[in-house]
Amino acid sequence: MRFWITKGSDVPVHEQLVRQVLLGILSEDFPAGRKLPSVRALARRHGIHSNTVSAAYHDLLERGWLELRKGSGLYVRPLHAFREGQEGLDRLLTALLQSARGLGHEPE
């Protein structure tokens, strides 16, 4: 799992993490059941504060994209859990990313 963090960007690091995880989930680059790196490991790898990573993960958890498994960590929830309730732009983005992947294009 690769993340690209730009500290001097107009987009806050927290939001960069949220967007990249969402893109990975919607493109199925991060499949259902995949464990995310720990807060500490991701913060250390990118030289960012662990509270920033924790806040991004917490946002995704609250939105229902991730699930917490006590004592194990955070995992990607199955996409079918969202398809029933998906609306508008989320549904279009999912279809676009899946079509692009089917044509051989990678999220990068």
N, C-alpha and C. Protein backbone atom coordinates (compact mmCIF):
# COMPACT_ATOMS: atom_id res chain seq x y z
N MET A 1 0.84 -1.17 0.00
CA MET A 1 0.00 0.00 0.00
C MET A 1 0.89 1.24 0.00
N ARG A 2 0.73 2.08 -0.99
CA ARG A 2 1.57 3.27 -1.10
C ARG A 2 0.72 4.53 -0.92
N PHE A 3 1.27 5.47 -0.20
CA PHE A 3 0.63 6.77 -0.02
C PHE A 3 1.62 7.84 -0.45
N TRP A 4 1.10 8.88 -1.09
CA TRP A 4 1.93 10.01 -1.49
C TRP A 4 1.47 11.21 -0.68
N ILE A 5 2.34 11.68 0.19
CA ILE A 5 2.01 12.80 1.07
C ILE A 5 2.84 14.01 0.66
N THR A 6 2.16 15.12 0.41
CA THR A 6 2.82 16.37 0.07
C THR A 6 2.55 17.35 1.20
N LYS A 7 3.58 17.59 1.99
CA LYS A 7 3.40 18.43 3.18
C LYS A 7 3.17 19.90 2.85
N GLY A 8 3.65 20.39 1.72
CA GLY A 8 3.48 21.79 1.36
C GLY A 8 2.23 22.06 0.54
N SER A 9 1.37 21.08 0.41
CA SER A 9 0.17 21.20 -0.41
C SER A 9 -0.89 22.06 0.27
N ASP A 10 -1.80 22.61 -0.55
CA ASP A 10 -2.95 23.33 -0.01
C ASP A 10 -3.94 22.37 0.64
N VAL A 11 -3.86 21.10 0.26
CA VAL A 11 -4.73 20.07 0.83
C VAL A 11 -4.07 19.54 2.10
N PRO A 12 -4.75 19.62 3.24
CA PRO A 12 -4.16 19.14 4.48
C PRO A 12 -3.77 17.66 4.39
N VAL A 13 -2.73 17.29 5.11
CA VAL A 13 -2.24 15.91 5.10
C VAL A 13 -3.36 14.94 5.49
N HIS A 14 -4.14 15.31 6.48
CA HIS A 14 -5.27 14.50 6.92
C HIS A 14 -6.18 14.18 5.74
N GLU A 15 -6.53 15.20 4.96
CA GLU A 15 -7.43 15.02 3.82
C GLU A 15 -6.75 14.22 2.70
N GLN A 16 -5.45 14.41 2.51
CA GLN A 16 -4.73 13.62 1.52
C GLN A 16 -4.83 12.13 1.84
N LEU A 17 -4.66 11.79 3.11
CA LEU A 17 -4.77 10.39 3.52
C LEU A 17 -6.18 9.85 3.29
N VAL A 18 -7.19 10.61 3.70
CA VAL A 18 -8.57 10.17 3.51
C VAL A 18 -8.85 9.92 2.03
N ARG A 19 -8.48 10.86 1.19
CA ARG A 19 -8.75 10.73 -0.25
C ARG A 19 -8.02 9.54 -0.86
N GLN A 20 -6.79 9.32 -0.45
CA GLN A 20 -6.03 8.21 -1.02
C GLN A 20 -6.57 6.85 -0.59
N VAL A 21 -7.00 6.75 0.65
CA VAL A 21 -7.59 5.49 1.09
C VAL A 21 -8.91 5.27 0.36
N LEU A 22 -9.74 6.31 0.23
CA LEU A 22 -11.00 6.18 -0.51
C LEU A 22 -10.76 5.79 -1.96
N LEU A 23 -9.80 6.40 -2.60
CA LEU A 23 -9.48 6.05 -3.98
C LEU A 23 -9.05 4.59 -4.08
N GLY A 24 -8.25 4.16 -3.12
CA GLY A 24 -7.81 2.77 -3.11
C GLY A 24 -8.97 1.81 -2.91
N ILE A 25 -9.93 2.17 -2.07
CA ILE A 25 -11.10 1.32 -1.84
C ILE A 25 -11.99 1.28 -3.07
N LEU A 26 -12.30 2.45 -3.62
CA LEU A 26 -13.20 2.52 -4.78
C LEU A 26 -12.61 1.86 -6.02
N SER A 27 -11.30 1.91 -6.16
CA SER A 27 -10.66 1.28 -7.32
C SER A 27 -10.37 -0.19 -7.05
N GLU A 28 -10.68 -0.63 -5.84
CA GLU A 28 -10.43 -1.99 -5.37
C GLU A 28 -8.94 -2.34 -5.33
N ASP A 29 -8.11 -1.30 -5.28
CA ASP A 29 -6.68 -1.49 -5.05
C ASP A 29 -6.48 -1.92 -3.59
N PHE A 30 -7.38 -1.47 -2.71
CA PHE A 30 -7.43 -1.91 -1.32
C PHE A 30 -8.69 -2.76 -1.20
N PRO A 31 -8.58 -4.06 -1.41
CA PRO A 31 -9.78 -4.91 -1.42
C PRO A 31 -10.38 -5.07 -0.03
N ALA A 32 -11.62 -5.50 -0.01
CA ALA A 32 -12.31 -5.76 1.25
C ALA A 32 -11.49 -6.74 2.08
N GLY A 33 -11.41 -6.45 3.36
CA GLY A 33 -10.68 -7.32 4.27
C GLY A 33 -9.20 -6.99 4.41
N ARG A 34 -8.71 -6.05 3.60
CA ARG A 34 -7.29 -5.69 3.70
C ARG A 34 -7.05 -4.86 4.96
N LYS A 35 -6.01 -5.22 5.66
CA LYS A 35 -5.65 -4.50 6.87
C LYS A 35 -4.85 -3.26 6.50
N LEU A 36 -5.19 -2.13 7.10
CA LEU A 36 -4.45 -0.89 6.87
C LEU A 36 -3.22 -0.87 7.77
N PRO A 37 -2.19 -0.15 7.35
CA PRO A 37 -1.00 -0.03 8.21
C PRO A 37 -1.39 0.62 9.54
N SER A 38 -0.67 0.30 10.57
CA SER A 38 -0.96 0.90 11.87
C SER A 38 -0.72 2.40 11.81
N VAL A 39 -1.36 3.12 12.71
CA VAL A 39 -1.19 4.57 12.79
C VAL A 39 0.28 4.91 12.98
N ARG A 40 0.91 4.25 13.91
CA ARG A 40 2.31 4.53 14.23
C ARG A 40 3.22 4.24 13.03
N ALA A 41 3.01 3.12 12.35
CA ALA A 41 3.86 2.75 11.22
C ALA A 41 3.71 3.75 10.06
N LEU A 42 2.47 4.13 9.76
CA LEU A 42 2.23 5.08 8.66
C LEU A 42 2.80 6.45 9.00
N ALA A 43 2.63 6.89 10.23
CA ALA A 43 3.15 8.19 10.65
C ALA A 43 4.68 8.20 10.56
N ARG A 44 5.30 7.15 11.03
CA ARG A 44 6.76 7.06 11.01
C ARG A 44 7.29 7.02 9.57
N ARG A 45 6.64 6.24 8.72
CA ARG A 45 7.09 6.08 7.34
C ARG A 45 7.06 7.40 6.56
N HIS A 46 6.07 8.24 6.86
CA HIS A 46 5.90 9.49 6.11
C HIS A 46 6.32 10.73 6.89
N GLY A 47 6.81 10.56 8.09
CA GLY A 47 7.27 11.69 8.88
C GLY A 47 6.17 12.66 9.24
N ILE A 48 5.00 12.13 9.55
CA ILE A 48 3.87 12.97 9.95
C ILE A 48 3.44 12.58 11.37
N HIS A 49 2.65 13.42 11.98
CA HIS A 49 2.23 13.18 13.36
C HIS A 49 1.20 12.04 13.39
N SER A 50 1.30 11.20 14.37
CA SER A 50 0.38 10.05 14.48
C SER A 50 -1.06 10.50 14.69
N ASN A 51 -1.27 11.67 15.31
CA ASN A 51 -2.64 12.19 15.47
C ASN A 51 -3.29 12.49 14.12
N THR A 52 -2.49 12.89 13.14
CA THR A 52 -3.01 13.17 11.80
C THR A 52 -3.51 11.89 11.16
N VAL A 53 -2.72 10.84 11.24
CA VAL A 53 -3.11 9.54 10.68
C VAL A 53 -4.34 9.01 11.42
N SER A 54 -4.32 9.11 12.73
CA SER A 54 -5.43 8.63 13.54
C SER A 54 -6.73 9.35 13.18
N ALA A 55 -6.66 10.66 12.97
CA ALA A 55 -7.85 11.44 12.61
C ALA A 55 -8.39 11.01 11.25
N ALA A 56 -7.50 10.77 10.30
CA ALA A 56 -7.93 10.33 8.96
C ALA A 56 -8.61 8.97 9.05
N TYR A 57 -8.00 8.05 9.76
CA TYR A 57 -8.59 6.72 9.94
C TYR A 57 -9.94 6.83 10.66
N HIS A 58 -10.02 7.68 11.66
CA HIS A 58 -11.26 7.86 12.42
C HIS A 58 -12.38 8.37 11.51
N ASP A 59 -12.06 9.33 10.62
CA ASP A 59 -13.06 9.84 9.67
C ASP A 59 -13.58 8.73 8.79
N LEU A 60 -12.68 7.91 8.27
CA LEU A 60 -13.08 6.80 7.39
C LEU A 60 -13.88 5.75 8.15
N LEU A 61 -13.53 5.54 9.40
CA LEU A 61 -14.27 4.60 10.24
C LEU A 61 -15.68 5.11 10.49
N GLU A 62 -15.81 6.40 10.80
CA GLU A 62 -17.13 6.99 11.03
C GLU A 62 -18.00 6.98 9.78
N ARG A 63 -17.39 7.14 8.62
CA ARG A 63 -18.13 7.13 7.35
C ARG A 63 -18.50 5.71 6.92
N GLY A 64 -17.95 4.72 7.60
CA GLY A 64 -18.31 3.34 7.30
C GLY A 64 -17.42 2.64 6.28
N TRP A 65 -16.34 3.27 5.87
CA TRP A 65 -15.44 2.65 4.88
C TRP A 65 -14.52 1.62 5.51
N LEU A 66 -14.27 1.76 6.80
CA LEU A 66 -13.38 0.85 7.51
C LEU A 66 -14.12 0.20 8.66
N GLU A 67 -13.57 -0.92 9.13
CA GLU A 67 -14.11 -1.55 10.32
C GLU A 67 -12.97 -1.83 11.29
N LEU A 68 -13.25 -1.66 12.56
CA LEU A 68 -12.27 -1.89 13.60
C LEU A 68 -12.46 -3.29 14.15
N ARG A 69 -11.38 -4.05 14.13
CA ARG A 69 -11.40 -5.38 14.73
C ARG A 69 -10.56 -5.28 15.99
N LYS A 70 -11.23 -5.35 17.11
CA LYS A 70 -10.57 -5.18 18.41
C LYS A 70 -9.34 -6.07 18.52
N GLY A 71 -8.23 -5.44 18.90
CA GLY A 71 -6.99 -6.16 19.09
C GLY A 71 -6.24 -6.49 17.82
N SER A 72 -6.83 -6.15 16.66
CA SER A 72 -6.19 -6.50 15.39
C SER A 72 -5.89 -5.29 14.51
N GLY A 73 -6.80 -4.32 14.47
CA GLY A 73 -6.55 -3.13 13.67
C GLY A 73 -7.74 -2.74 12.82
N LEU A 74 -7.47 -1.90 11.82
CA LEU A 74 -8.50 -1.40 10.91
C LEU A 74 -8.43 -2.13 9.58
N TYR A 75 -9.61 -2.49 9.08
CA TYR A 75 -9.72 -3.24 7.83
C TYR A 75 -10.72 -2.56 6.90
N VAL A 76 -10.54 -2.76 5.60
CA VAL A 76 -11.46 -2.23 4.60
C VAL A 76 -12.74 -3.06 4.62
N ARG A 77 -13.86 -2.35 4.66
CA ARG A 77 -15.16 -3.03 4.63
C ARG A 77 -15.48 -3.43 3.19
N PRO A 78 -16.29 -4.45 3.01
CA PRO A 78 -16.68 -4.87 1.65
C PRO A 78 -17.44 -3.76 0.93
N LEU A 79 -17.17 -3.61 -0.36
CA LEU A 79 -17.84 -2.56 -1.15
C LEU A 79 -19.34 -2.77 -1.24
N HIS A 80 -19.79 -4.03 -1.26
CA HIS A 80 -21.23 -4.26 -1.38
C HIS A 80 -22.01 -3.61 -0.23
N ALA A 81 -21.35 -3.36 0.88
CA ALA A 81 -22.00 -2.69 2.00
C ALA A 81 -22.36 -1.26 1.64
N PHE A 82 -21.70 -0.68 0.64
CA PHE A 82 -21.95 0.71 0.26
C PHE A 82 -22.80 0.82 -0.99
N ARG A 83 -22.79 -0.18 -1.82
CA ARG A 83 -23.46 -0.07 -3.11
C ARG A 83 -24.95 0.18 -2.96
N GLU A 84 -25.57 -0.44 -1.96
CA GLU A 84 -27.00 -0.25 -1.77
C GLU A 84 -27.34 1.19 -1.43
N GLY A 85 -26.53 1.84 -0.62
CA GLY A 85 -26.81 3.19 -0.18
C GLY A 85 -26.06 4.27 -0.93
N GLN A 86 -25.25 3.87 -1.91
CA GLN A 86 -24.45 4.86 -2.62
C GLN A 86 -25.33 5.78 -3.43
N GLU A 87 -24.94 7.03 -3.45
CA GLU A 87 -25.71 8.00 -4.20
C GLU A 87 -24.79 8.81 -5.10
N GLY A 88 -25.34 9.28 -6.17
CA GLY A 88 -24.71 10.25 -7.04
C GLY A 88 -23.26 10.03 -7.37
N LEU A 89 -22.45 10.96 -6.92
CA LEU A 89 -21.04 11.01 -7.29
C LEU A 89 -20.28 9.77 -6.84
N ASP A 90 -20.55 9.26 -5.65
CA ASP A 90 -19.86 8.05 -5.19
C ASP A 90 -20.09 6.89 -6.14
N ARG A 91 -21.33 6.71 -6.58
CA ARG A 91 -21.66 5.62 -7.51
C ARG A 91 -20.94 5.83 -8.84
N LEU A 92 -20.92 7.05 -9.34
CA LEU A 92 -20.25 7.34 -10.61
C LEU A 92 -18.74 7.12 -10.52
N LEU A 93 -18.14 7.56 -9.42
CA LEU A 93 -16.70 7.36 -9.23
C LEU A 93 -16.35 5.88 -9.14
N THR A 94 -17.17 5.13 -8.44
CA THR A 94 -16.93 3.69 -8.33
C THR A 94 -16.98 3.05 -9.71
N ALA A 95 -18.01 3.38 -10.49
CA ALA A 95 -18.15 2.81 -11.83
C ALA A 95 -16.97 3.22 -12.72
N LEU A 96 -16.57 4.47 -12.66
CA LEU A 96 -15.45 4.96 -13.46
C LEU A 96 -14.16 4.23 -13.12
N LEU A 97 -13.86 4.14 -11.84
CA LEU A 97 -12.61 3.49 -11.42
C LEU A 97 -12.61 2.01 -11.75
N GLN A 98 -13.74 1.35 -11.60
CA GLN A 98 -13.79 -0.07 -11.93
C GLN A 98 -13.68 -0.28 -13.43
N SER A 99 -14.29 0.58 -14.24
CA SER A 99 -14.17 0.48 -15.69
C SER A 99 -12.74 0.72 -16.14
N ALA A 100 -12.10 1.74 -15.57
CA ALA A 100 -10.71 2.04 -15.91
C ALA A 100 -9.81 0.86 -15.55
N ARG A 101 -10.04 0.28 -14.41
CA ARG A 101 -9.23 -0.88 -13.99
C ARG A 101 -9.45 -2.05 -14.95
N GLY A 102 -10.69 -2.25 -15.39
CA GLY A 102 -10.99 -3.31 -16.35
C GLY A 102 -10.30 -3.11 -17.68
N LEU A 103 -10.00 -1.87 -18.03
CA LEU A 103 -9.30 -1.56 -19.27
C LEU A 103 -7.79 -1.57 -19.10
N GLY A 104 -7.33 -1.90 -17.90
CA GLY A 104 -5.90 -2.03 -17.66
C GLY A 104 -5.22 -0.81 -17.08
N HIS A 105 -6.01 0.22 -16.72
CA HIS A 105 -5.44 1.41 -16.12
C HIS A 105 -5.32 1.22 -14.61
N GLU A 106 -4.20 1.65 -14.05
CA GLU A 106 -3.99 1.54 -12.62
C GLU A 106 -4.28 2.89 -11.96
N PRO A 107 -4.67 2.90 -10.69
CA PRO A 107 -5.00 4.15 -9.99
C PRO A 107 -3.87 5.17 -9.98
N GLU A 108 -2.62 4.70 -9.98
CA GLU A 108 -1.50 5.62 -9.96
C GLU A 108 -1.53 6.50 -11.18
